[in-house]
């Protein structure tokens, strides 16, 4: 894939990924939670224990950007999971930040078994490093398949799309 004006490694890429995912999940929740309460057939998947994935760039995004979405998914009957793309090790505090992520998710009602940190050497928490979108997509897809996820937010890899 040719590099364009939008690069995963730019300083705004990860916050934008989080913001776009939050917006998508919020829209899904607004419509989905209402349909669940009304019992529409299309939304019963979550009511029967469907699996929803929230993808974050680093630890603390789950609380800063996704807490309402995660709580809404749980109240709608879904079993949300969190997949974090990096350990947040920019200041050499990755292990601390991973523990904080688990604790934060616990407060949000998400068990540690549903919280995963990719922490791949080619996806460091470093704004100077461009992440490979193909590698990230491959890792996310493997996680979706392994955890039987049936709802996930996706955003385009280019700002103009």
N, C-alpha and C. Protein backbone atom coordinates (compact mmCIF):
# COMPACT_ATOMS: atom_id res chain seq x y z
N UNK A 1 0.84 -1.16 0.00
CA UNK A 1 0.00 0.00 0.00
C UNK A 1 0.89 1.23 0.00
N UNK A 2 0.64 2.16 -0.90
CA UNK A 2 1.46 3.37 -1.00
C UNK A 2 1.15 4.31 0.15
N UNK A 3 2.19 4.94 0.65
CA UNK A 3 2.01 5.90 1.73
C UNK A 3 1.37 7.16 1.16
N UNK A 4 0.42 7.69 1.87
CA UNK A 4 -0.27 8.91 1.45
C UNK A 4 -0.13 9.95 2.53
N UNK A 5 -1.01 10.95 2.51
CA UNK A 5 -0.91 12.02 3.49
C UNK A 5 -1.25 11.54 4.90
N UNK A 6 -1.88 10.41 5.03
CA UNK A 6 -2.28 9.89 6.34
C UNK A 6 -1.33 8.76 6.71
N UNK A 7 -0.64 8.88 7.82
CA UNK A 7 0.29 7.84 8.25
C UNK A 7 -0.02 7.44 9.68
N UNK A 8 -0.01 6.15 9.96
CA UNK A 8 -0.30 5.64 11.30
C UNK A 8 0.67 6.18 12.33
N UNK A 9 1.88 6.50 11.94
CA UNK A 9 2.90 6.90 12.90
C UNK A 9 2.92 8.38 13.22
N UNK A 10 2.06 9.19 12.60
CA UNK A 10 2.07 10.62 12.88
C UNK A 10 1.52 10.87 14.28
N UNK A 11 1.89 11.99 14.89
CA UNK A 11 1.44 12.27 16.26
C UNK A 11 -0.08 12.33 16.41
N UNK A 12 -0.81 12.69 15.35
CA UNK A 12 -2.26 12.78 15.47
C UNK A 12 -2.97 11.48 15.12
N UNK A 13 -2.26 10.50 14.58
CA UNK A 13 -2.91 9.28 14.11
C UNK A 13 -3.56 8.49 15.23
N UNK A 14 -2.87 8.27 16.32
CA UNK A 14 -3.42 7.45 17.39
C UNK A 14 -4.58 8.14 18.11
N UNK A 15 -4.47 9.44 18.45
CA UNK A 15 -5.64 10.09 19.04
C UNK A 15 -6.82 10.12 18.08
N UNK A 16 -6.55 10.31 16.79
CA UNK A 16 -7.63 10.32 15.81
C UNK A 16 -8.28 8.95 15.71
N UNK A 17 -7.49 7.88 15.75
CA UNK A 17 -8.03 6.53 15.76
C UNK A 17 -8.97 6.35 16.94
N UNK A 18 -8.55 6.80 18.10
CA UNK A 18 -9.38 6.68 19.30
C UNK A 18 -10.65 7.50 19.16
N UNK A 19 -10.53 8.72 18.68
CA UNK A 19 -11.69 9.59 18.54
C UNK A 19 -12.69 9.04 17.54
N UNK A 20 -12.20 8.57 16.39
CA UNK A 20 -13.10 8.00 15.39
C UNK A 20 -13.77 6.73 15.89
N UNK A 21 -13.02 5.90 16.58
CA UNK A 21 -13.61 4.68 17.15
C UNK A 21 -14.66 5.02 18.19
N UNK A 22 -14.38 6.02 19.02
CA UNK A 22 -15.34 6.45 20.03
C UNK A 22 -16.62 6.95 19.38
N UNK A 23 -16.48 7.75 18.33
CA UNK A 23 -17.64 8.27 17.63
C UNK A 23 -18.47 7.13 17.05
N UNK A 24 -17.81 6.18 16.40
CA UNK A 24 -18.52 5.05 15.82
C UNK A 24 -19.23 4.23 16.89
N UNK A 25 -18.53 3.93 17.97
CA UNK A 25 -19.16 3.16 19.04
C UNK A 25 -20.31 3.91 19.69
N UNK A 26 -20.17 5.23 19.85
CA UNK A 26 -21.25 6.02 20.43
C UNK A 26 -22.48 5.96 19.55
N UNK A 27 -22.28 6.09 18.23
CA UNK A 27 -23.41 6.01 17.32
C UNK A 27 -24.05 4.62 17.36
N UNK A 28 -23.22 3.59 17.41
CA UNK A 28 -23.75 2.23 17.50
C UNK A 28 -24.54 2.04 18.79
N UNK A 29 -24.01 2.59 19.87
CA UNK A 29 -24.69 2.44 21.16
C UNK A 29 -26.01 3.18 21.20
N UNK A 30 -26.04 4.39 20.66
CA UNK A 30 -27.28 5.16 20.67
C UNK A 30 -28.39 4.40 19.96
N UNK A 31 -28.09 3.87 18.79
CA UNK A 31 -29.09 3.11 18.07
C UNK A 31 -29.26 1.70 18.60
N UNK A 32 -28.17 1.04 18.91
CA UNK A 32 -28.21 -0.35 19.34
C UNK A 32 -28.87 -0.55 20.69
N UNK A 33 -28.57 0.31 21.65
CA UNK A 33 -29.16 0.17 22.98
C UNK A 33 -30.67 0.39 22.91
N UNK A 34 -31.10 1.34 22.10
CA UNK A 34 -32.54 1.57 21.96
C UNK A 34 -33.22 0.35 21.34
N UNK A 35 -32.59 -0.23 20.32
CA UNK A 35 -33.19 -1.41 19.69
C UNK A 35 -33.21 -2.60 20.64
N UNK A 36 -32.18 -2.73 21.47
CA UNK A 36 -32.16 -3.83 22.43
C UNK A 36 -33.32 -3.71 23.42
N UNK A 37 -33.56 -2.51 23.88
CA UNK A 37 -34.65 -2.31 24.83
C UNK A 37 -35.99 -2.63 24.19
N UNK A 38 -36.11 -2.36 22.90
CA UNK A 38 -37.35 -2.65 22.19
C UNK A 38 -37.43 -4.11 21.75
N UNK A 39 -36.29 -4.83 21.81
CA UNK A 39 -36.29 -6.25 21.45
C UNK A 39 -36.26 -6.53 19.97
N UNK A 40 -35.71 -5.63 19.18
CA UNK A 40 -35.64 -5.88 17.74
C UNK A 40 -34.69 -7.04 17.47
N UNK A 41 -35.04 -7.84 16.50
CA UNK A 41 -34.27 -9.06 16.21
C UNK A 41 -32.82 -8.78 15.85
N UNK A 42 -32.55 -7.71 15.12
CA UNK A 42 -31.19 -7.43 14.69
C UNK A 42 -30.24 -7.13 15.83
N UNK A 43 -30.77 -6.73 16.96
CA UNK A 43 -29.92 -6.36 18.09
C UNK A 43 -29.87 -7.43 19.16
N UNK A 44 -30.57 -8.51 18.99
CA UNK A 44 -30.61 -9.54 20.03
C UNK A 44 -29.28 -10.27 20.18
N UNK A 45 -28.39 -10.14 19.21
CA UNK A 45 -27.08 -10.79 19.32
C UNK A 45 -26.39 -10.32 20.58
N UNK A 46 -26.40 -9.02 20.84
CA UNK A 46 -25.77 -8.50 22.05
C UNK A 46 -26.52 -8.95 23.29
N UNK A 47 -27.82 -9.01 23.21
CA UNK A 47 -28.61 -9.42 24.38
C UNK A 47 -28.33 -10.86 24.76
N UNK A 48 -27.93 -11.67 23.81
CA UNK A 48 -27.62 -13.07 24.09
C UNK A 48 -26.14 -13.28 24.39
N UNK A 49 -25.44 -12.22 24.74
CA UNK A 49 -24.03 -12.37 25.10
C UNK A 49 -23.08 -12.15 23.95
N UNK A 50 -23.48 -11.32 22.98
CA UNK A 50 -22.59 -11.00 21.87
C UNK A 50 -21.29 -10.38 22.37
N UNK A 51 -20.29 -10.44 21.55
CA UNK A 51 -18.96 -9.94 21.93
C UNK A 51 -18.65 -8.67 21.14
N UNK A 52 -18.30 -7.61 21.85
CA UNK A 52 -17.95 -6.33 21.23
C UNK A 52 -16.50 -6.00 21.56
N UNK A 53 -15.78 -5.48 20.58
CA UNK A 53 -14.38 -5.14 20.76
C UNK A 53 -14.18 -3.64 20.71
N UNK A 54 -13.46 -3.11 21.69
CA UNK A 54 -13.03 -1.72 21.67
C UNK A 54 -11.52 -1.74 21.46
N UNK A 55 -11.09 -1.10 20.39
CA UNK A 55 -9.68 -1.05 20.03
C UNK A 55 -9.11 0.29 20.47
N UNK A 56 -8.07 0.26 21.30
CA UNK A 56 -7.44 1.49 21.77
C UNK A 56 -5.98 1.53 21.34
N UNK A 57 -5.43 2.73 21.27
CA UNK A 57 -4.04 2.90 20.89
C UNK A 57 -3.10 2.59 22.04
N UNK A 58 -3.43 3.11 23.23
CA UNK A 58 -2.60 2.84 24.40
C UNK A 58 -3.44 2.81 25.67
N UNK A 59 -2.85 2.31 26.76
CA UNK A 59 -3.57 2.30 28.03
C UNK A 59 -3.99 3.70 28.41
N UNK A 60 -5.10 3.82 29.00
CA UNK A 60 -5.84 4.98 29.50
C UNK A 60 -6.87 5.47 28.49
N UNK A 61 -6.75 5.07 27.20
CA UNK A 61 -7.76 5.44 26.23
C UNK A 61 -9.11 4.83 26.57
N UNK A 62 -9.10 3.64 27.17
CA UNK A 62 -10.35 2.97 27.53
C UNK A 62 -11.14 3.81 28.51
N UNK A 63 -10.45 4.51 29.40
CA UNK A 63 -11.14 5.35 30.39
C UNK A 63 -11.42 6.74 29.82
N UNK A 64 -10.45 7.34 29.16
CA UNK A 64 -10.61 8.71 28.68
C UNK A 64 -11.62 8.82 27.54
N UNK A 65 -11.67 7.84 26.66
CA UNK A 65 -12.50 7.95 25.47
C UNK A 65 -13.65 6.94 25.40
N UNK A 66 -13.48 5.77 26.00
CA UNK A 66 -14.42 4.68 25.76
C UNK A 66 -15.25 4.24 26.96
N UNK A 67 -15.05 4.81 28.13
CA UNK A 67 -15.79 4.35 29.31
C UNK A 67 -17.30 4.36 29.08
N UNK A 68 -17.89 5.45 28.56
CA UNK A 68 -19.35 5.41 28.33
C UNK A 68 -19.76 4.33 27.35
N UNK A 69 -18.97 4.13 26.30
CA UNK A 69 -19.30 3.10 25.31
C UNK A 69 -19.22 1.71 25.94
N UNK A 70 -18.18 1.46 26.72
CA UNK A 70 -18.03 0.15 27.36
C UNK A 70 -19.16 -0.12 28.34
N UNK A 71 -19.51 0.88 29.13
CA UNK A 71 -20.61 0.72 30.09
C UNK A 71 -21.94 0.52 29.35
N UNK A 72 -22.13 1.26 28.26
CA UNK A 72 -23.35 1.11 27.47
C UNK A 72 -23.45 -0.26 26.84
N UNK A 73 -22.34 -0.77 26.33
CA UNK A 73 -22.35 -2.11 25.76
C UNK A 73 -22.72 -3.15 26.81
N UNK A 74 -22.14 -3.01 28.00
CA UNK A 74 -22.46 -3.96 29.07
C UNK A 74 -23.94 -3.88 29.45
N UNK A 75 -24.45 -2.65 29.58
CA UNK A 75 -25.86 -2.52 29.98
C UNK A 75 -26.80 -3.01 28.89
N UNK A 76 -26.33 -3.03 27.63
CA UNK A 76 -27.14 -3.53 26.53
C UNK A 76 -27.06 -5.05 26.40
N UNK A 77 -26.24 -5.69 27.23
CA UNK A 77 -26.17 -7.14 27.21
C UNK A 77 -24.96 -7.71 26.49
N UNK A 78 -24.12 -6.84 25.94
CA UNK A 78 -22.93 -7.33 25.24
C UNK A 78 -21.83 -7.62 26.25
N UNK A 79 -20.85 -8.38 25.81
CA UNK A 79 -19.67 -8.66 26.62
C UNK A 79 -18.49 -7.97 25.95
N UNK A 80 -18.21 -6.72 26.34
CA UNK A 80 -17.13 -6.00 25.67
C UNK A 80 -15.75 -6.51 26.04
N UNK A 81 -14.85 -6.40 25.08
CA UNK A 81 -13.44 -6.73 25.28
C UNK A 81 -12.63 -5.53 24.84
N UNK A 82 -11.44 -5.39 25.39
CA UNK A 82 -10.56 -4.28 25.03
C UNK A 82 -9.28 -4.85 24.44
N UNK A 83 -8.91 -4.33 23.28
CA UNK A 83 -7.64 -4.68 22.64
C UNK A 83 -6.83 -3.39 22.53
N UNK A 84 -5.72 -3.35 23.22
CA UNK A 84 -4.87 -2.17 23.26
C UNK A 84 -3.65 -2.41 22.36
N UNK A 85 -3.37 -1.47 21.46
CA UNK A 85 -2.33 -1.67 20.45
C UNK A 85 -0.91 -1.55 20.98
N UNK A 86 -0.70 -0.84 22.07
CA UNK A 86 0.66 -0.72 22.62
C UNK A 86 0.59 -0.75 24.14
N UNK A 87 1.71 -1.01 24.75
CA UNK A 87 1.77 -1.06 26.22
C UNK A 87 1.91 0.33 26.83
N UNK A 88 2.05 1.36 25.99
CA UNK A 88 2.22 2.71 26.52
C UNK A 88 3.59 2.89 27.16
N UNK A 89 4.60 2.33 26.51
CA UNK A 89 5.93 2.28 27.10
C UNK A 89 6.83 3.44 26.66
N UNK A 90 6.27 4.53 26.18
CA UNK A 90 7.08 5.65 25.70
C UNK A 90 8.02 6.18 26.78
N UNK A 91 7.55 6.23 28.01
CA UNK A 91 8.38 6.69 29.14
C UNK A 91 8.86 5.52 30.00
N UNK A 92 8.98 4.33 29.40
CA UNK A 92 9.44 3.12 30.09
C UNK A 92 8.56 2.76 31.28
N UNK A 93 7.25 2.93 31.12
CA UNK A 93 6.31 2.58 32.17
C UNK A 93 5.27 1.59 31.65
N UNK A 94 5.65 0.80 30.67
CA UNK A 94 4.72 -0.13 30.04
C UNK A 94 4.08 -1.12 30.99
N UNK A 95 4.86 -1.70 31.89
CA UNK A 95 4.30 -2.68 32.82
C UNK A 95 3.30 -2.03 33.77
N UNK A 96 3.61 -0.84 34.24
CA UNK A 96 2.70 -0.10 35.12
C UNK A 96 1.42 0.23 34.37
N UNK A 97 1.56 0.70 33.14
CA UNK A 97 0.38 1.10 32.36
C UNK A 97 -0.49 -0.10 31.99
N UNK A 98 0.12 -1.27 31.77
CA UNK A 98 -0.68 -2.48 31.50
C UNK A 98 -1.51 -2.85 32.73
N UNK A 99 -0.91 -2.75 33.92
CA UNK A 99 -1.65 -3.04 35.15
C UNK A 99 -2.78 -2.04 35.35
N UNK A 100 -2.50 -0.77 35.06
CA UNK A 100 -3.53 0.26 35.18
C UNK A 100 -4.68 -0.01 34.21
N UNK A 101 -4.36 -0.49 33.02
CA UNK A 101 -5.39 -0.83 32.03
C UNK A 101 -6.29 -1.93 32.58
N UNK A 102 -5.70 -2.98 33.12
CA UNK A 102 -6.50 -4.07 33.70
C UNK A 102 -7.37 -3.58 34.84
N UNK A 103 -6.81 -2.73 35.71
CA UNK A 103 -7.58 -2.21 36.84
C UNK A 103 -8.72 -1.33 36.36
N UNK A 104 -8.46 -0.49 35.39
CA UNK A 104 -9.49 0.38 34.84
C UNK A 104 -10.62 -0.44 34.23
N UNK A 105 -10.26 -1.46 33.46
CA UNK A 105 -11.27 -2.31 32.85
C UNK A 105 -12.06 -3.07 33.91
N UNK A 106 -11.41 -3.47 34.98
CA UNK A 106 -12.10 -4.15 36.08
C UNK A 106 -13.18 -3.24 36.66
N UNK A 107 -12.85 -1.97 36.85
CA UNK A 107 -13.84 -1.00 37.36
C UNK A 107 -15.00 -0.87 36.38
N UNK A 108 -14.71 -0.98 35.08
CA UNK A 108 -15.75 -0.90 34.06
C UNK A 108 -16.50 -2.22 33.86
N UNK A 109 -16.14 -3.23 34.65
CA UNK A 109 -16.83 -4.51 34.59
C UNK A 109 -16.30 -5.46 33.54
N UNK A 110 -15.09 -5.23 33.07
CA UNK A 110 -14.49 -6.09 32.05
C UNK A 110 -13.40 -6.92 32.72
N UNK A 111 -13.54 -8.24 32.72
CA UNK A 111 -12.53 -9.08 33.38
C UNK A 111 -11.19 -9.04 32.66
N UNK A 112 -10.13 -9.31 33.39
CA UNK A 112 -8.77 -9.29 32.83
C UNK A 112 -8.65 -10.23 31.63
N UNK A 113 -9.42 -11.30 31.61
CA UNK A 113 -9.35 -12.25 30.49
C UNK A 113 -9.86 -11.63 29.18
N UNK A 114 -10.57 -10.51 29.28
CA UNK A 114 -11.08 -9.83 28.09
C UNK A 114 -10.31 -8.55 27.78
N UNK A 115 -9.14 -8.40 28.39
CA UNK A 115 -8.28 -7.24 28.15
C UNK A 115 -6.95 -7.76 27.59
N UNK A 116 -6.59 -7.30 26.40
CA UNK A 116 -5.38 -7.76 25.74
C UNK A 116 -4.55 -6.57 25.28
N UNK A 117 -3.25 -6.65 25.49
CA UNK A 117 -2.32 -5.65 24.99
C UNK A 117 -1.46 -6.32 23.92
N UNK A 118 -1.45 -5.75 22.72
CA UNK A 118 -0.67 -6.34 21.63
C UNK A 118 0.82 -6.27 21.94
N UNK A 119 1.34 -5.11 22.27
CA UNK A 119 2.75 -4.91 22.65
C UNK A 119 3.72 -5.57 21.68
N UNK A 120 3.52 -5.34 20.38
CA UNK A 120 4.39 -5.88 19.33
C UNK A 120 5.57 -4.95 19.11
N UNK A 121 6.75 -5.49 18.90
CA UNK A 121 7.96 -4.67 18.76
C UNK A 121 7.87 -3.69 17.59
N UNK A 122 7.06 -4.00 16.58
CA UNK A 122 6.91 -3.10 15.43
C UNK A 122 5.76 -2.11 15.60
N UNK A 123 5.11 -2.12 16.77
CA UNK A 123 4.04 -1.18 17.08
C UNK A 123 4.35 -0.48 18.41
N UNK A 124 5.48 0.21 18.48
CA UNK A 124 5.86 0.83 19.75
C UNK A 124 5.04 2.09 20.03
N UNK A 125 4.98 2.47 21.29
CA UNK A 125 4.34 3.72 21.69
C UNK A 125 5.35 4.84 21.47
N UNK A 126 5.48 5.24 20.22
CA UNK A 126 6.47 6.24 19.83
C UNK A 126 5.92 7.03 18.64
N UNK A 127 5.65 8.32 18.82
CA UNK A 127 5.07 9.10 17.72
C UNK A 127 5.99 9.21 16.51
N UNK A 128 7.27 8.90 16.66
CA UNK A 128 8.20 8.98 15.53
C UNK A 128 8.19 7.71 14.67
N UNK A 129 7.50 6.68 15.12
CA UNK A 129 7.48 5.40 14.40
C UNK A 129 6.14 5.26 13.67
N UNK A 130 6.23 4.97 12.39
CA UNK A 130 5.02 4.74 11.60
C UNK A 130 4.59 3.28 11.74
N UNK A 131 3.39 3.07 12.22
CA UNK A 131 2.87 1.71 12.35
C UNK A 131 2.49 1.17 10.99
N UNK A 132 2.70 -0.12 10.81
CA UNK A 132 2.33 -0.80 9.58
C UNK A 132 0.85 -1.18 9.68
N UNK A 133 -0.01 -0.55 8.87
CA UNK A 133 -1.44 -0.84 8.96
C UNK A 133 -1.77 -2.30 8.66
N UNK A 134 -1.00 -2.93 7.77
CA UNK A 134 -1.25 -4.34 7.43
C UNK A 134 -0.95 -5.24 8.63
N UNK A 135 0.15 -4.97 9.32
CA UNK A 135 0.49 -5.73 10.52
C UNK A 135 -0.58 -5.55 11.58
N UNK A 136 -0.99 -4.31 11.81
CA UNK A 136 -2.01 -4.05 12.81
C UNK A 136 -3.32 -4.75 12.45
N UNK A 137 -3.72 -4.66 11.18
CA UNK A 137 -4.95 -5.32 10.75
C UNK A 137 -4.88 -6.83 10.95
N UNK A 138 -3.74 -7.42 10.66
CA UNK A 138 -3.56 -8.86 10.84
C UNK A 138 -3.70 -9.25 12.31
N UNK A 139 -3.06 -8.48 13.19
CA UNK A 139 -3.12 -8.78 14.62
C UNK A 139 -4.53 -8.59 15.18
N UNK A 140 -5.21 -7.55 14.72
CA UNK A 140 -6.58 -7.31 15.19
C UNK A 140 -7.51 -8.41 14.70
N UNK A 141 -7.37 -8.81 13.44
CA UNK A 141 -8.22 -9.88 12.91
C UNK A 141 -8.01 -11.19 13.66
N UNK A 142 -6.76 -11.53 13.96
CA UNK A 142 -6.49 -12.75 14.75
C UNK A 142 -7.19 -12.68 16.10
N UNK A 143 -7.16 -11.51 16.72
CA UNK A 143 -7.80 -11.34 18.02
C UNK A 143 -9.32 -11.48 17.90
N UNK A 144 -9.89 -10.87 16.87
CA UNK A 144 -11.34 -10.96 16.65
C UNK A 144 -11.76 -12.41 16.47
N UNK A 145 -11.00 -13.16 15.70
CA UNK A 145 -11.33 -14.57 15.48
C UNK A 145 -11.14 -15.40 16.75
N UNK A 146 -10.06 -15.15 17.49
CA UNK A 146 -9.79 -15.93 18.70
C UNK A 146 -10.81 -15.67 19.80
N UNK A 147 -11.32 -14.46 19.88
CA UNK A 147 -12.26 -14.09 20.95
C UNK A 147 -13.72 -14.12 20.50
N UNK A 148 -13.97 -14.57 19.27
CA UNK A 148 -15.34 -14.64 18.74
C UNK A 148 -16.06 -13.30 18.83
N UNK A 149 -15.40 -12.25 18.40
CA UNK A 149 -15.96 -10.90 18.41
C UNK A 149 -16.96 -10.78 17.26
N UNK A 150 -18.13 -10.19 17.54
CA UNK A 150 -19.09 -9.98 16.47
C UNK A 150 -19.50 -8.52 16.31
N UNK A 151 -18.84 -7.61 17.02
CA UNK A 151 -19.06 -6.18 16.85
C UNK A 151 -17.74 -5.48 17.11
N UNK A 152 -17.25 -4.74 16.11
CA UNK A 152 -15.99 -4.01 16.27
C UNK A 152 -16.07 -2.71 15.49
N UNK A 153 -15.49 -1.66 16.07
CA UNK A 153 -15.44 -0.38 15.37
C UNK A 153 -14.24 -0.34 14.45
N UNK A 154 -14.43 0.17 13.24
CA UNK A 154 -13.36 0.26 12.26
C UNK A 154 -13.36 1.68 11.70
N UNK A 155 -12.16 2.24 11.49
CA UNK A 155 -12.07 3.55 10.86
C UNK A 155 -11.12 3.44 9.67
N UNK A 156 -11.27 4.33 8.68
CA UNK A 156 -10.41 4.25 7.50
C UNK A 156 -8.97 4.59 7.83
N UNK A 157 -8.06 4.14 6.95
CA UNK A 157 -6.65 4.42 7.21
C UNK A 157 -6.19 5.72 6.56
N UNK A 158 -7.09 6.41 5.92
CA UNK A 158 -6.76 7.71 5.33
C UNK A 158 -7.83 8.71 5.73
N UNK A 159 -7.39 9.90 6.08
CA UNK A 159 -8.32 10.92 6.57
C UNK A 159 -9.35 11.32 5.52
N UNK A 160 -8.98 11.28 4.24
CA UNK A 160 -9.91 11.75 3.21
C UNK A 160 -10.96 10.71 2.83
N UNK A 161 -10.88 9.49 3.32
CA UNK A 161 -11.85 8.45 2.96
C UNK A 161 -13.10 8.56 3.78
